[in-house]
């Protein structure tokens, strides 16, 4: 019986996660033309001193695979929300830094994210 309750709780949690994730994705896309993963990258960079991280640390901070992180960073760099540069001490290292436009986008999107999260979890 305990296993049945645990499995039911897991299914409810999974359904809630799917519903809330879809609502966040939709709200961020409609209001700011960014995905939830874009928002996670911008938020991870905003929360650091200096607004920059090495690519691997950024991937770790967001929980996204490095290949996905790299693809998203490239796209966000193209639209001016991020910049990449080579580490001056280790030419193999690449840093990603949030731009002023990226900070403004993250701040606006954070309001949408919070409002949507509140609505969906109410």
PDB file of N, CA and C in Angstrom:
ATOM      1  N   UNK A   1       0.815  -1.199   0.000  1.00  0.00           N
ATOM      2  CA  UNK A   1       0.000   0.000   0.000  1.00  0.00           C
ATOM      3  C   UNK A   1       0.860   1.264   0.000  1.00  0.00           C
ATOM      4  N   UNK A   2       1.944   1.274   0.780  1.00  0.00           N
ATOM      5  CA  UNK A   2       2.824   2.445   0.819  1.00  0.00           C
ATOM      6  C   UNK A   2       3.448   2.691  -0.543  1.00  0.00           C
ATOM      7  N   UNK A   3       3.801   1.608  -1.256  1.00  0.00           N
ATOM      8  CA  UNK A   3       4.371   1.761  -2.596  1.00  0.00           C
ATOM      9  C   UNK A   3       3.370   2.384  -3.555  1.00  0.00           C
ATOM     10  N   UNK A   4       2.085   1.997  -3.443  1.00  0.00           N
ATOM     11  CA  UNK A   4       1.050   2.576  -4.292  1.00  0.00           C
ATOM     12  C   UNK A   4       0.894   4.074  -4.024  1.00  0.00           C
ATOM     13  N   UNK A   5       0.927   4.470  -2.760  1.00  0.00           N
ATOM     14  CA  UNK A   5       0.813   5.890  -2.409  1.00  0.00           C
ATOM     15  C   UNK A   5       2.015   6.672  -2.928  1.00  0.00           C
ATOM     16  N   UNK A   6       3.189   6.091  -2.777  1.00  0.00           N
ATOM     17  CA  UNK A   6       4.400   6.755  -3.243  1.00  0.00           C
ATOM     18  C   UNK A   6       4.365   6.916  -4.760  1.00  0.00           C
ATOM     19  N   UNK A   7       3.940   5.897  -5.461  1.00  0.00           N
ATOM     20  CA  UNK A   7       3.849   5.963  -6.925  1.00  0.00           C
ATOM     21  C   UNK A   7       2.809   6.989  -7.355  1.00  0.00           C
ATOM     22  N   UNK A   8       1.676   7.040  -6.674  1.00  0.00           N
ATOM     23  CA  UNK A   8       0.641   8.030  -6.986  1.00  0.00           C
ATOM     24  C   UNK A   8       1.159   9.445  -6.741  1.00  0.00           C
ATOM     25  N   UNK A   9       1.861   9.645  -5.636  1.00  0.00           N
ATOM     26  CA  UNK A   9       2.443  10.957  -5.336  1.00  0.00           C
ATOM     27  C   UNK A   9       3.442  11.358  -6.416  1.00  0.00           C
ATOM     28  N   UNK A  10       4.254  10.407  -6.857  1.00  0.00           N
ATOM     29  CA  UNK A  10       5.223  10.682  -7.925  1.00  0.00           C
ATOM     30  C   UNK A  10       4.516  11.093  -9.216  1.00  0.00           C
ATOM     31  N   UNK A  11       3.458  10.394  -9.584  1.00  0.00           N
ATOM     32  CA  UNK A  11       2.726  10.730 -10.804  1.00  0.00           C
ATOM     33  C   UNK A  11       2.108  12.128 -10.718  1.00  0.00           C
ATOM     34  N   UNK A  12       1.564  12.464  -9.555  1.00  0.00           N
ATOM     35  CA  UNK A  12       0.990  13.798  -9.366  1.00  0.00           C
ATOM     36  C   UNK A  12       2.069  14.872  -9.460  1.00  0.00           C
ATOM     37  N   UNK A  13       3.212  14.615  -8.864  1.00  0.00           N
ATOM     38  CA  UNK A  13       4.321  15.558  -8.940  1.00  0.00           C
ATOM     39  C   UNK A  13       4.793  15.735 -10.383  1.00  0.00           C
ATOM     40  N   UNK A  14       4.907  14.641 -11.113  1.00  0.00           N
ATOM     41  CA  UNK A  14       5.332  14.693 -12.518  1.00  0.00           C
ATOM     42  C   UNK A  14       4.326  15.477 -13.363  1.00  0.00           C
ATOM     43  N   UNK A  15       3.041  15.267 -13.134  1.00  0.00           N
ATOM     44  CA  UNK A  15       2.013  16.016 -13.872  1.00  0.00           C
ATOM     45  C   UNK A  15       2.079  17.509 -13.553  1.00  0.00           C
ATOM     46  N   UNK A  16       2.270  17.830 -12.274  1.00  0.00           N
ATOM     47  CA  UNK A  16       2.378  19.232 -11.870  1.00  0.00           C
ATOM     48  C   UNK A  16       3.598  19.875 -12.511  1.00  0.00           C
ATOM     49  N   UNK A  17       4.725  19.187 -12.492  1.00  0.00           N
ATOM     50  CA  UNK A  17       5.946  19.707 -13.104  1.00  0.00           C
ATOM     51  C   UNK A  17       5.735  19.958 -14.601  1.00  0.00           C
ATOM     52  N   UNK A  18       5.125  19.025 -15.279  1.00  0.00           N
ATOM     53  CA  UNK A  18       4.880  19.166 -16.720  1.00  0.00           C
ATOM     54  C   UNK A  18       3.969  20.355 -17.004  1.00  0.00           C
ATOM     55  N   UNK A  19       2.907  20.494 -16.233  1.00  0.00           N
ATOM     56  CA  UNK A  19       1.958  21.590 -16.415  1.00  0.00           C
ATOM     57  C   UNK A  19       2.616  22.934 -16.146  1.00  0.00           C
ATOM     58  N   UNK A  20       3.337  23.045 -15.040  1.00  0.00           N
ATOM     59  CA  UNK A  20       3.978  24.309 -14.679  1.00  0.00           C
ATOM     60  C   UNK A  20       5.076  24.654 -15.677  1.00  0.00           C
ATOM     61  N   UNK A  21       5.865  23.679 -16.087  1.00  0.00           N
ATOM     62  CA  UNK A  21       6.925  23.916 -17.080  1.00  0.00           C
ATOM     63  C   UNK A  21       6.354  24.438 -18.388  1.00  0.00           C
ATOM     64  N   UNK A  22       5.254  23.848 -18.832  1.00  0.00           N
ATOM     65  CA  UNK A  22       4.623  24.292 -20.080  1.00  0.00           C
ATOM     66  C   UNK A  22       4.103  25.722 -19.943  1.00  0.00           C
ATOM     67  N   UNK A  23       3.527  26.051 -18.813  1.00  0.00           N
ATOM     68  CA  UNK A  23       3.011  27.401 -18.591  1.00  0.00           C
ATOM     69  C   UNK A  23       4.153  28.423 -18.555  1.00  0.00           C
ATOM     70  N   UNK A  24       5.258  28.065 -17.896  1.00  0.00           N
ATOM     71  CA  UNK A  24       6.414  28.965 -17.846  1.00  0.00           C
ATOM     72  C   UNK A  24       6.999  29.175 -19.237  1.00  0.00           C
ATOM     73  N   UNK A  25       7.144  28.095 -19.984  1.00  0.00           N
ATOM     74  CA  UNK A  25       7.680  28.170 -21.346  1.00  0.00           C
ATOM     75  C   UNK A  25       6.805  29.086 -22.199  1.00  0.00           C
ATOM     76  N   UNK A  26       5.512  28.902 -22.133  1.00  0.00           N
ATOM     77  CA  UNK A  26       4.583  29.699 -22.927  1.00  0.00           C
ATOM     78  C   UNK A  26       4.639  31.178 -22.534  1.00  0.00           C
ATOM     79  N   UNK A  27       4.609  31.451 -21.251  1.00  0.00           N
ATOM     80  CA  UNK A  27       4.614  32.839 -20.780  1.00  0.00           C
ATOM     81  C   UNK A  27       5.912  33.547 -21.162  1.00  0.00           C
ATOM     82  N   UNK A  28       7.039  32.878 -21.012  1.00  0.00           N
ATOM     83  CA  UNK A  28       8.328  33.495 -21.350  1.00  0.00           C
ATOM     84  C   UNK A  28       8.453  33.718 -22.856  1.00  0.00           C
ATOM     85  N   UNK A  29       7.988  32.763 -23.635  1.00  0.00           N
ATOM     86  CA  UNK A  29       8.032  32.916 -25.092  1.00  0.00           C
ATOM     87  C   UNK A  29       7.133  34.072 -25.542  1.00  0.00           C
ATOM     88  N   UNK A  30       5.914  34.104 -25.041  1.00  0.00           N
ATOM     89  CA  UNK A  30       4.950  35.127 -25.469  1.00  0.00           C
ATOM     90  C   UNK A  30       5.360  36.524 -25.029  1.00  0.00           C
ATOM     91  N   UNK A  31       5.853  36.643 -23.814  1.00  0.00           N
ATOM     92  CA  UNK A  31       6.147  37.971 -23.267  1.00  0.00           C
ATOM     93  C   UNK A  31       7.538  38.491 -23.600  1.00  0.00           C
ATOM     94  N   UNK A  32       8.498  37.572 -23.793  1.00  0.00           N
ATOM     95  CA  UNK A  32       9.891  38.016 -23.919  1.00  0.00           C
ATOM     96  C   UNK A  32      10.658  37.346 -25.061  1.00  0.00           C
ATOM     97  N   UNK A  33      10.028  36.421 -25.764  1.00  0.00           N
ATOM     98  CA  UNK A  33      10.681  35.684 -26.861  1.00  0.00           C
ATOM     99  C   UNK A  33      11.932  34.948 -26.403  1.00  0.00           C
ATOM    100  N   UNK A  34      11.893  34.437 -25.166  1.00  0.00           N
ATOM    101  CA  UNK A  34      12.961  33.572 -24.661  1.00  0.00           C
ATOM    102  C   UNK A  34      12.343  32.287 -24.142  1.00  0.00           C
ATOM    103  N   UNK A  35      13.121  31.223 -24.198  1.00  0.00           N
ATOM    104  CA  UNK A  35      12.650  29.947 -23.664  1.00  0.00           C
ATOM    105  C   UNK A  35      12.945  29.875 -22.168  1.00  0.00           C
ATOM    106  N   UNK A  36      12.381  28.879 -21.532  1.00  0.00           N
ATOM    107  CA  UNK A  36      12.666  28.656 -20.113  1.00  0.00           C
ATOM    108  C   UNK A  36      14.150  28.344 -19.919  1.00  0.00           C
ATOM    109  N   UNK A  37      14.760  27.610 -20.839  1.00  0.00           N
ATOM    110  CA  UNK A  37      16.195  27.326 -20.745  1.00  0.00           C
ATOM    111  C   UNK A  37      17.020  28.594 -20.936  1.00  0.00           C
ATOM    112  N   UNK A  38      16.609  29.467 -21.854  1.00  0.00           N
ATOM    113  CA  UNK A  38      17.283  30.763 -22.015  1.00  0.00           C
ATOM    114  C   UNK A  38      17.244  31.529 -20.697  1.00  0.00           C
ATOM    115  N   UNK A  39      16.064  31.545 -20.092  1.00  0.00           N
ATOM    116  CA  UNK A  39      15.883  32.249 -18.825  1.00  0.00           C
ATOM    117  C   UNK A  39      16.792  31.669 -17.746  1.00  0.00           C
ATOM    118  N   UNK A  40      16.921  30.354 -17.707  1.00  0.00           N
ATOM    119  CA  UNK A  40      17.800  29.724 -16.712  1.00  0.00           C
ATOM    120  C   UNK A  40      19.247  30.145 -16.908  1.00  0.00           C
ATOM    121  N   UNK A  41      19.684  30.226 -18.159  1.00  0.00           N
ATOM    122  CA  UNK A  41      21.057  30.662 -18.445  1.00  0.00           C
ATOM    123  C   UNK A  41      21.244  32.109 -18.015  1.00  0.00           C
ATOM    124  N   UNK A  42      20.333  32.985 -18.392  1.00  0.00           N
ATOM    125  CA  UNK A  42      20.425  34.390 -17.998  1.00  0.00           C
ATOM    126  C   UNK A  42      20.410  34.530 -16.478  1.00  0.00           C
ATOM    127  N   UNK A  43      19.572  33.775 -15.808  1.00  0.00           N
ATOM    128  CA  UNK A  43      19.473  33.843 -14.342  1.00  0.00           C
ATOM    129  C   UNK A  43      20.740  33.338 -13.669  1.00  0.00           C
ATOM    130  N   UNK A  44      21.300  32.263 -14.195  1.00  0.00           N
ATOM    131  CA  UNK A  44      22.541  31.728 -13.619  1.00  0.00           C
ATOM    132  C   UNK A  44      23.667  32.759 -13.725  1.00  0.00           C
ATOM    133  N   UNK A  45      23.756  33.434 -14.851  1.00  0.00           N
ATOM    134  CA  UNK A  45      24.806  34.442 -15.030  1.00  0.00           C
ATOM    135  C   UNK A  45      24.548  35.680 -14.184  1.00  0.00           C
ATOM    136  N   UNK A  46      23.287  36.073 -14.065  1.00  0.00           N
ATOM    137  CA  UNK A  46      22.938  37.241 -13.257  1.00  0.00           C
ATOM    138  C   UNK A  46      23.298  37.026 -11.792  1.00  0.00           C
ATOM    139  N   UNK A  47      23.225  35.796 -11.336  1.00  0.00           N
ATOM    140  CA  UNK A  47      23.448  35.514  -9.919  1.00  0.00           C
ATOM    141  C   UNK A  47      24.931  35.408  -9.537  1.00  0.00           C
ATOM    142  N   UNK A  48      25.841  35.576 -10.497  1.00  0.00           N
ATOM    143  CA  UNK A  48      27.269  35.472 -10.191  1.00  0.00           C
ATOM    144  C   UNK A  48      27.902  36.844 -10.050  1.00  0.00           C
ATOM    145  N   UNK A  49      28.994  36.908  -9.308  1.00  0.00           N
ATOM    146  CA  UNK A  49      29.783  38.139  -9.249  1.00  0.00           C
ATOM    147  C   UNK A  49      30.382  38.374 -10.627  1.00  0.00           C
ATOM    148  N   UNK A  50      30.137  39.506 -11.193  1.00  0.00           N
ATOM    149  CA  UNK A  50      30.668  39.835 -12.503  1.00  0.00           C
ATOM    150  C   UNK A  50      29.817  39.369 -13.662  1.00  0.00           C
ATOM    151  N   UNK A  51      28.836  38.506 -13.402  1.00  0.00           N
ATOM    152  CA  UNK A  51      27.926  38.059 -14.450  1.00  0.00           C
ATOM    153  C   UNK A  51      28.538  37.142 -15.484  1.00  0.00           C
ATOM    154  N   UNK A  52      29.576  36.399 -15.115  1.00  0.00           N
ATOM    155  CA  UNK A  52      30.189  35.496 -16.086  1.00  0.00           C
ATOM    156  C   UNK A  52      30.542  34.154 -15.447  1.00  0.00           C
ATOM    157  N   UNK A  53      30.593  33.138 -16.292  1.00  0.00           N
ATOM    158  CA  UNK A  53      30.988  31.783 -15.891  1.00  0.00           C
ATOM    159  C   UNK A  53      31.677  31.103 -17.070  1.00  0.00           C
ATOM    160  N   UNK A  54      32.525  30.140 -16.758  1.00  0.00           N
ATOM    161  CA  UNK A  54      33.033  29.247 -17.797  1.00  0.00           C
ATOM    162  C   UNK A  54      31.854  28.422 -18.304  1.00  0.00           C
ATOM    163  N   UNK A  55      31.950  28.005 -19.541  1.00  0.00           N
ATOM    164  CA  UNK A  55      30.838  27.258 -20.159  1.00  0.00           C
ATOM    165  C   UNK A  55      30.456  26.018 -19.341  1.00  0.00           C
ATOM    166  N   UNK A  56      31.426  25.245 -18.880  1.00  0.00           N
ATOM    167  CA  UNK A  56      31.116  24.028 -18.119  1.00  0.00           C
ATOM    168  C   UNK A  56      30.402  24.366 -16.818  1.00  0.00           C
ATOM    169  N   UNK A  57      30.830  25.420 -16.147  1.00  0.00           N
ATOM    170  CA  UNK A  57      30.171  25.822 -14.893  1.00  0.00           C
ATOM    171  C   UNK A  57      28.755  26.333 -15.159  1.00  0.00           C
ATOM    172  N   UNK A  58      28.566  27.002 -16.282  1.00  0.00           N
ATOM    173  CA  UNK A  58      27.229  27.455 -16.658  1.00  0.00           C
ATOM    174  C   UNK A  58      26.316  26.259 -16.904  1.00  0.00           C
ATOM    175  N   UNK A  59      26.830  25.263 -17.598  1.00  0.00           N
ATOM    176  CA  UNK A  59      26.049  24.039 -17.829  1.00  0.00           C
ATOM    177  C   UNK A  59      25.698  23.382 -16.493  1.00  0.00           C
ATOM    178  N   UNK A  60      26.669  23.301 -15.602  1.00  0.00           N
ATOM    179  CA  UNK A  60      26.418  22.709 -14.286  1.00  0.00           C
ATOM    180  C   UNK A  60      25.376  23.512 -13.498  1.00  0.00           C
ATOM    181  N   UNK A  61      25.464  24.844 -13.582  1.00  0.00           N
ATOM    182  CA  UNK A  61      24.546  25.709 -12.831  1.00  0.00           C
ATOM    183  C   UNK A  61      23.104  25.586 -13.319  1.00  0.00           C
ATOM    184  N   UNK A  62      22.929  25.293 -14.595  1.00  0.00           N
ATOM    185  CA  UNK A  62      21.578  25.200 -15.154  1.00  0.00           C
ATOM    186  C   UNK A  62      21.059  23.767 -15.193  1.00  0.00           C
ATOM    187  N   UNK A  63      21.954  22.809 -15.057  1.00  0.00           N
ATOM    188  CA  UNK A  63      21.544  21.412 -15.167  1.00  0.00           C
ATOM    189  C   UNK A  63      21.342  20.966 -16.605  1.00  0.00           C
ATOM    190  N   UNK A  64      21.798  21.770 -17.540  1.00  0.00           N
ATOM    191  CA  UNK A  64      21.674  21.433 -18.959  1.00  0.00           C
ATOM    192  C   UNK A  64      22.957  20.782 -19.456  1.00  0.00           C
ATOM    193  N   UNK A  65      22.852  19.911 -20.445  1.00  0.00           N
ATOM    194  CA  UNK A  65      24.074  19.343 -21.028  1.00  0.00           C
ATOM    195  C   UNK A  65      24.929  20.454 -21.642  1.00  0.00           C
ATOM    196  N   UNK A  66      26.236  20.247 -21.679  1.00  0.00           N
ATOM    197  CA  UNK A  66      27.146  21.246 -22.222  1.00  0.00           C
ATOM    198  C   UNK A  66      26.817  21.574 -23.673  1.00  0.00           C
ATOM    199  N   UNK A  67      26.456  20.576 -24.466  1.00  0.00           N
ATOM    200  CA  UNK A  67      26.129  20.832 -25.877  1.00  0.00           C
ATOM    201  C   UNK A  67      24.898  21.728 -26.005  1.00  0.00           C
ATOM    202  N   UNK A  68      23.893  21.507 -25.179  1.00  0.00           N
ATOM    203  CA  UNK A  68      22.690  22.348 -25.185  1.00  0.00           C
ATOM    204  C   UNK A  68      23.031  23.758 -24.721  1.00  0.00           C
ATOM    205  N   UNK A  69      23.820  23.845 -23.665  1.00  0.00           N
ATOM    206  CA  UNK A  69      24.235  25.146 -23.146  1.00  0.00           C
ATOM    207  C   UNK A  69      24.974  25.931 -24.216  1.00  0.00           C
ATOM    208  N   UNK A  70      25.881  25.284 -24.899  1.00  0.00           N
ATOM    209  CA  UNK A  70      26.661  25.948 -25.950  1.00  0.00           C
ATOM    210  C   UNK A  70      25.762  26.461 -27.074  1.00  0.00           C
ATOM    211  N   UNK A  71      24.811  25.659 -27.483  1.00  0.00           N
ATOM    212  CA  UNK A  71      23.878  26.059 -28.541  1.00  0.00           C
ATOM    213  C   UNK A  71      23.034  27.254 -28.100  1.00  0.00           C
ATOM    214  N   UNK A  72      22.527  27.218 -26.872  1.00  0.00           N
ATOM    215  CA  UNK A  72      21.712  28.319 -26.367  1.00  0.00           C
ATOM    216  C   UNK A  72      22.536  29.594 -26.206  1.00  0.00           C
ATOM    217  N   UNK A  73      23.749  29.455 -25.703  1.00  0.00           N
ATOM    218  CA  UNK A  73      24.631  30.610 -25.545  1.00  0.00           C
ATOM    219  C   UNK A  73      24.909  31.248 -26.898  1.00  0.00           C
ATOM    220  N   UNK A  74      25.136  30.441 -27.905  1.00  0.00           N
ATOM    221  CA  UNK A  74      25.379  30.982 -29.253  1.00  0.00           C
ATOM    222  C   UNK A  74      24.188  31.806 -29.728  1.00  0.00           C
ATOM    223  N   UNK A  75      23.000  31.284 -29.527  1.00  0.00           N
ATOM    224  CA  UNK A  75      21.800  31.998 -29.949  1.00  0.00           C
ATOM    225  C   UNK A  75      21.608  33.283 -29.152  1.00  0.00           C
ATOM    226  N   UNK A  76      21.824  33.218 -27.836  1.00  0.00           N
ATOM    227  CA  UNK A  76      21.664  34.401 -26.991  1.00  0.00           C
ATOM    228  C   UNK A  76      22.748  35.445 -27.289  1.00  0.00           C
ATOM    229  N   UNK A  77      23.916  34.980 -27.689  1.00  0.00           N
ATOM    230  CA  UNK A  77      24.987  35.898 -28.090  1.00  0.00           C
ATOM    231  C   UNK A  77      24.597  36.617 -29.391  1.00  0.00           C
ATOM    232  N   UNK A  78      23.994  35.889 -30.309  1.00  0.00           N
ATOM    233  CA  UNK A  78      23.577  36.465 -31.590  1.00  0.00           C
ATOM    234  C   UNK A  78      22.591  37.616 -31.406  1.00  0.00           C
ATOM    235  N   UNK A  79      21.722  37.510 -30.401  1.00  0.00           N
ATOM    236  CA  UNK A  79      20.735  38.569 -30.172  1.00  0.00           C
ATOM    237  C   UNK A  79      21.208  39.600 -29.144  1.00  0.00           C
ATOM    238  N   UNK A  80      22.459  39.497 -28.719  1.00  0.00           N
ATOM    239  CA  UNK A  80      23.059  40.522 -27.873  1.00  0.00           C
ATOM    240  C   UNK A  80      22.806  40.404 -26.388  1.00  0.00           C
ATOM    241  N   UNK A  81      22.322  39.252 -25.911  1.00  0.00           N
ATOM    242  CA  UNK A  81      22.056  39.091 -24.482  1.00  0.00           C
ATOM    243  C   UNK A  81      23.255  38.547 -23.719  1.00  0.00           C
ATOM    244  N   UNK A  82      24.170  37.912 -24.438  1.00  0.00           N
ATOM    245  CA  UNK A  82      25.388  37.346 -23.852  1.00  0.00           C
ATOM    246  C   UNK A  82      26.574  37.684 -24.731  1.00  0.00           C
ATOM    247  N   UNK A  83      27.771  37.581 -24.145  1.00  0.00           N
ATOM    248  CA  UNK A  83      29.018  37.703 -24.903  1.00  0.00           C
ATOM    249  C   UNK A  83      29.939  36.585 -24.430  1.00  0.00           C
ATOM    250  N   UNK A  84      30.746  36.092 -25.337  1.00  0.00           N
ATOM    251  CA  UNK A  84      31.740  35.066 -24.977  1.00  0.00           C
ATOM    252  C   UNK A  84      33.126  35.632 -25.207  1.00  0.00           C
ATOM    253  N   UNK A  85      34.057  35.204 -24.362  1.00  0.00           N
ATOM    254  CA  UNK A  85      35.444  35.597 -24.559  1.00  0.00           C
ATOM    255  C   UNK A  85      36.361  34.510 -24.019  1.00  0.00           C
ATOM    256  N   UNK A  86      37.568  34.516 -24.531  1.00  0.00           N
ATOM    257  CA  UNK A  86      38.578  33.523 -24.144  1.00  0.00           C
ATOM    258  C   UNK A  86      39.241  33.991 -22.857  1.00  0.00           C
ATOM    259  N   UNK A  87      39.459  33.052 -21.955  1.00  0.00           N
ATOM    260  CA  UNK A  87      40.132  33.338 -20.693  1.00  0.00           C
ATOM    261  C   UNK A  87      41.561  33.806 -20.978  1.00  0.00           C
ATOM    262  N   UNK A  88      41.955  34.955 -20.452  1.00  0.00           N
ATOM    263  CA  UNK A  88      43.298  35.458 -20.734  1.00  0.00           C
ATOM    264  C   UNK A  88      44.411  34.590 -20.139  1.00  0.00           C
ATOM    265  N   UNK A  89      44.119  33.849 -19.058  1.00  0.00           N
ATOM    266  CA  UNK A  89      45.122  33.010 -18.409  1.00  0.00           C
ATOM    267  C   UNK A  89      45.199  31.605 -18.995  1.00  0.00           C
ATOM    268  N   UNK A  90      44.121  31.147 -19.595  1.00  0.00           N
ATOM    269  CA  UNK A  90      44.058  29.800 -20.152  1.00  0.00           C
ATOM    270  C   UNK A  90      43.273  29.880 -21.459  1.00  0.00           C
ATOM    271  N   UNK A  91      43.975  29.943 -22.564  1.00  0.00           N
ATOM    272  CA  UNK A  91      43.343  30.167 -23.864  1.00  0.00           C
ATOM    273  C   UNK A  91      42.328  29.083 -24.231  1.00  0.00           C
ATOM    274  N   UNK A  92      42.346  27.960 -23.522  1.00  0.00           N
ATOM    275  CA  UNK A  92      41.362  26.906 -23.780  1.00  0.00           C
ATOM    276  C   UNK A  92      40.021  27.207 -23.133  1.00  0.00           C
ATOM    277  N   UNK A  93      40.029  28.076 -22.119  1.00  0.00           N
ATOM    278  CA  UNK A  93      38.809  28.384 -21.382  1.00  0.00           C
ATOM    279  C   UNK A  93      37.984  29.455 -22.070  1.00  0.00           C
ATOM    280  N   UNK A  94      36.687  29.227 -22.146  1.00  0.00           N
ATOM    281  CA  UNK A  94      35.757  30.204 -22.720  1.00  0.00           C
ATOM    282  C   UNK A  94      34.780  30.627 -21.633  1.00  0.00           C
ATOM    283  N   UNK A  95      34.673  31.936 -21.464  1.00  0.00           N
ATOM    284  CA  UNK A  95      33.725  32.492 -20.512  1.00  0.00           C
ATOM    285  C   UNK A  95      32.512  33.026 -21.259  1.00  0.00           C
ATOM    286  N   UNK A  96      31.374  32.959 -20.602  1.00  0.00           N
ATOM    287  CA  UNK A  96      30.147  33.565 -21.095  1.00  0.00           C
ATOM    288  C   UNK A  96      29.752  34.631 -20.091  1.00  0.00           C
ATOM    289  N   UNK A  97      29.441  35.829 -20.589  1.00  0.00           N
ATOM    290  CA  UNK A  97      29.074  36.938 -19.718  1.00  0.00           C
ATOM    291  C   UNK A  97      27.760  37.540 -20.182  1.00  0.00           C
ATOM    292  N   UNK A  98      26.930  37.882 -19.217  1.00  0.00           N
ATOM    293  CA  UNK A  98      25.658  38.526 -19.541  1.00  0.00           C
ATOM    294  C   UNK A  98      25.921  39.994 -19.891  1.00  0.00           C
ATOM    295  N   UNK A  99      25.228  40.500 -20.883  1.00  0.00           N
ATOM    296  CA  UNK A  99      25.357  41.896 -21.311  1.00  0.00           C
ATOM    297  C   UNK A  99      24.330  42.750 -20.564  1.00  0.00           C
ATOM    298  N   UNK A 100      24.453  44.072 -20.635  1.00  0.00           N
ATOM    299  CA  UNK A 100      23.417  44.922 -20.032  1.00  0.00           C
ATOM    300  C   UNK A 100      22.018  44.608 -20.585  1.00  0.00           C
ATOM    301  N   UNK A 101      21.910  44.360 -21.892  1.00  0.00           N
ATOM    302  CA  UNK A 101      20.607  43.973 -22.456  1.00  0.00           C
ATOM    303  C   UNK A 101      20.133  42.648 -21.866  1.00  0.00           C
ATOM    304  N   UNK A 102      21.058  41.733 -21.648  1.00  0.00           N
ATOM    305  CA  UNK A 102      20.715  40.448 -21.045  1.00  0.00           C
ATOM    306  C   UNK A 102      20.215  40.610 -19.622  1.00  0.00           C
ATOM    307  N   UNK A 103      20.837  41.514 -18.881  1.00  0.00           N
ATOM    308  CA  UNK A 103      20.382  41.782 -17.506  1.00  0.00           C
ATOM    309  C   UNK A 103      18.960  42.363 -17.505  1.00  0.00           C
ATOM    310  N   UNK A 104      18.713  43.293 -18.420  1.00  0.00           N
ATOM    311  CA  UNK A 104      17.367  43.872 -18.505  1.00  0.00           C
ATOM    312  C   UNK A 104      16.337  42.797 -18.870  1.00  0.00           C
ATOM    313  N   UNK A 105      16.696  41.940 -19.820  1.00  0.00           N
ATOM    314  CA  UNK A 105      15.792  40.869 -20.228  1.00  0.00           C
ATOM    315  C   UNK A 105      15.524  39.921 -19.060  1.00  0.00           C
ATOM    316  N   UNK A 106      16.570  39.534 -18.352  1.00  0.00           N
ATOM    317  CA  UNK A 106      16.412  38.608 -17.231  1.00  0.00           C
ATOM    318  C   UNK A 106      15.519  39.218 -16.157  1.00  0.00           C
ATOM    319  N   UNK A 107      15.712  40.491 -15.877  1.00  0.00           N
ATOM    320  CA  UNK A 107      14.905  41.158 -14.839  1.00  0.00           C
ATOM    321  C   UNK A 107      13.432  41.184 -15.231  1.00  0.00           C
ATOM    322  N   UNK A 108      13.139  41.536 -16.474  1.00  0.00           N
ATOM    323  CA  UNK A 108      11.749  41.561 -16.950  1.00  0.00           C
ATOM    324  C   UNK A 108      11.162  40.153 -16.976  1.00  0.00           C
ATOM    325  N   UNK A 109      11.946  39.203 -17.478  1.00  0.00           N
ATOM    326  CA  UNK A 109      11.456  37.824 -17.564  1.00  0.00           C
ATOM    327  C   UNK A 109      11.271  37.214 -16.175  1.00  0.00           C
ATOM    328  N   UNK A 110      12.069  37.640 -15.207  1.00  0.00           N
ATOM    329  CA  UNK A 110      11.931  37.124 -13.840  1.00  0.00           C
ATOM    330  C   UNK A 110      10.568  37.491 -13.257  1.00  0.00           C
ATOM    331  N   UNK A 111      10.081  38.669 -13.595  1.00  0.00           N
ATOM    332  CA  UNK A 111       8.742  39.059 -13.116  1.00  0.00           C
ATOM    333  C   UNK A 111       7.678  38.145 -13.726  1.00  0.00           C
ATOM    334  N   UNK A 112       7.797  37.883 -15.025  1.00  0.00           N
ATOM    335  CA  UNK A 112       6.857  36.982 -15.701  1.00  0.00           C
ATOM    336  C   UNK A 112       6.967  35.583 -15.122  1.00  0.00           C
ATOM    337  N   UNK A 113       8.186  35.113 -14.917  1.00  0.00           N
ATOM    338  CA  UNK A 113       8.427  33.786 -14.359  1.00  0.00           C
ATOM    339  C   UNK A 113       7.761  33.668 -12.984  1.00  0.00           C
ATOM    340  N   UNK A 114       8.007  34.643 -12.118  1.00  0.00           N
ATOM    341  CA  UNK A 114       7.441  34.605 -10.764  1.00  0.00           C
ATOM    342  C   UNK A 114       5.925  34.662 -10.761  1.00  0.00           C
ATOM    343  N   UNK A 115       5.375  35.549 -11.584  1.00  0.00           N
ATOM    344  CA  UNK A 115       3.914  35.683 -11.663  1.00  0.00           C
ATOM    345  C   UNK A 115       3.278  34.383 -12.171  1.00  0.00           C
ATOM    346  N   UNK A 116       3.881  33.800 -13.195  1.00  0.00           N
ATOM    347  CA  UNK A 116       3.346  32.556 -13.762  1.00  0.00           C
ATOM    348  C   UNK A 116       3.461  31.417 -12.764  1.00  0.00           C
ATOM    349  N   UNK A 117       4.582  31.339 -12.095  1.00  0.00           N
ATOM    350  CA  UNK A 117       4.777  30.302 -11.081  1.00  0.00           C
ATOM    351  C   UNK A 117       3.745  30.434  -9.974  1.00  0.00           C
ATOM    352  N   UNK A 118       3.519  31.653  -9.525  1.00  0.00           N
ATOM    353  CA  UNK A 118       2.499  31.884  -8.476  1.00  0.00           C
ATOM    354  C   UNK A 118       1.119  31.435  -8.944  1.00  0.00           C
ATOM    355  N   UNK A 119       0.756  31.795 -10.176  1.00  0.00           N
ATOM    356  CA  UNK A 119      -0.555  31.415 -10.712  1.00  0.00           C
ATOM    357  C   UNK A 119      -0.711  29.903 -10.816  1.00  0.00           C
ATOM    358  N   UNK A 120       0.311  29.252 -11.307  1.00  0.00           N
ATOM    359  CA  UNK A 120       0.224  27.803 -11.540  1.00  0.00           C
ATOM    360  C   UNK A 120       0.258  26.993 -10.242  1.00  0.00           C
ATOM    361  N   UNK A 121       0.915  27.504  -9.229  1.00  0.00           N
ATOM    362  CA  UNK A 121       1.027  26.749  -7.979  1.00  0.00           C
ATOM    363  C   UNK A 121      -0.032  27.146  -6.949  1.00  0.00           C
ATOM    364  N   UNK A 122      -0.865  28.127  -7.301  1.00  0.00           N
ATOM    365  CA  UNK A 122      -1.909  28.573  -6.366  1.00  0.00           C
ATOM    366  C   UNK A 122      -2.990  27.502  -6.220  1.00  0.00           C
TER     367      UNK A 122
END
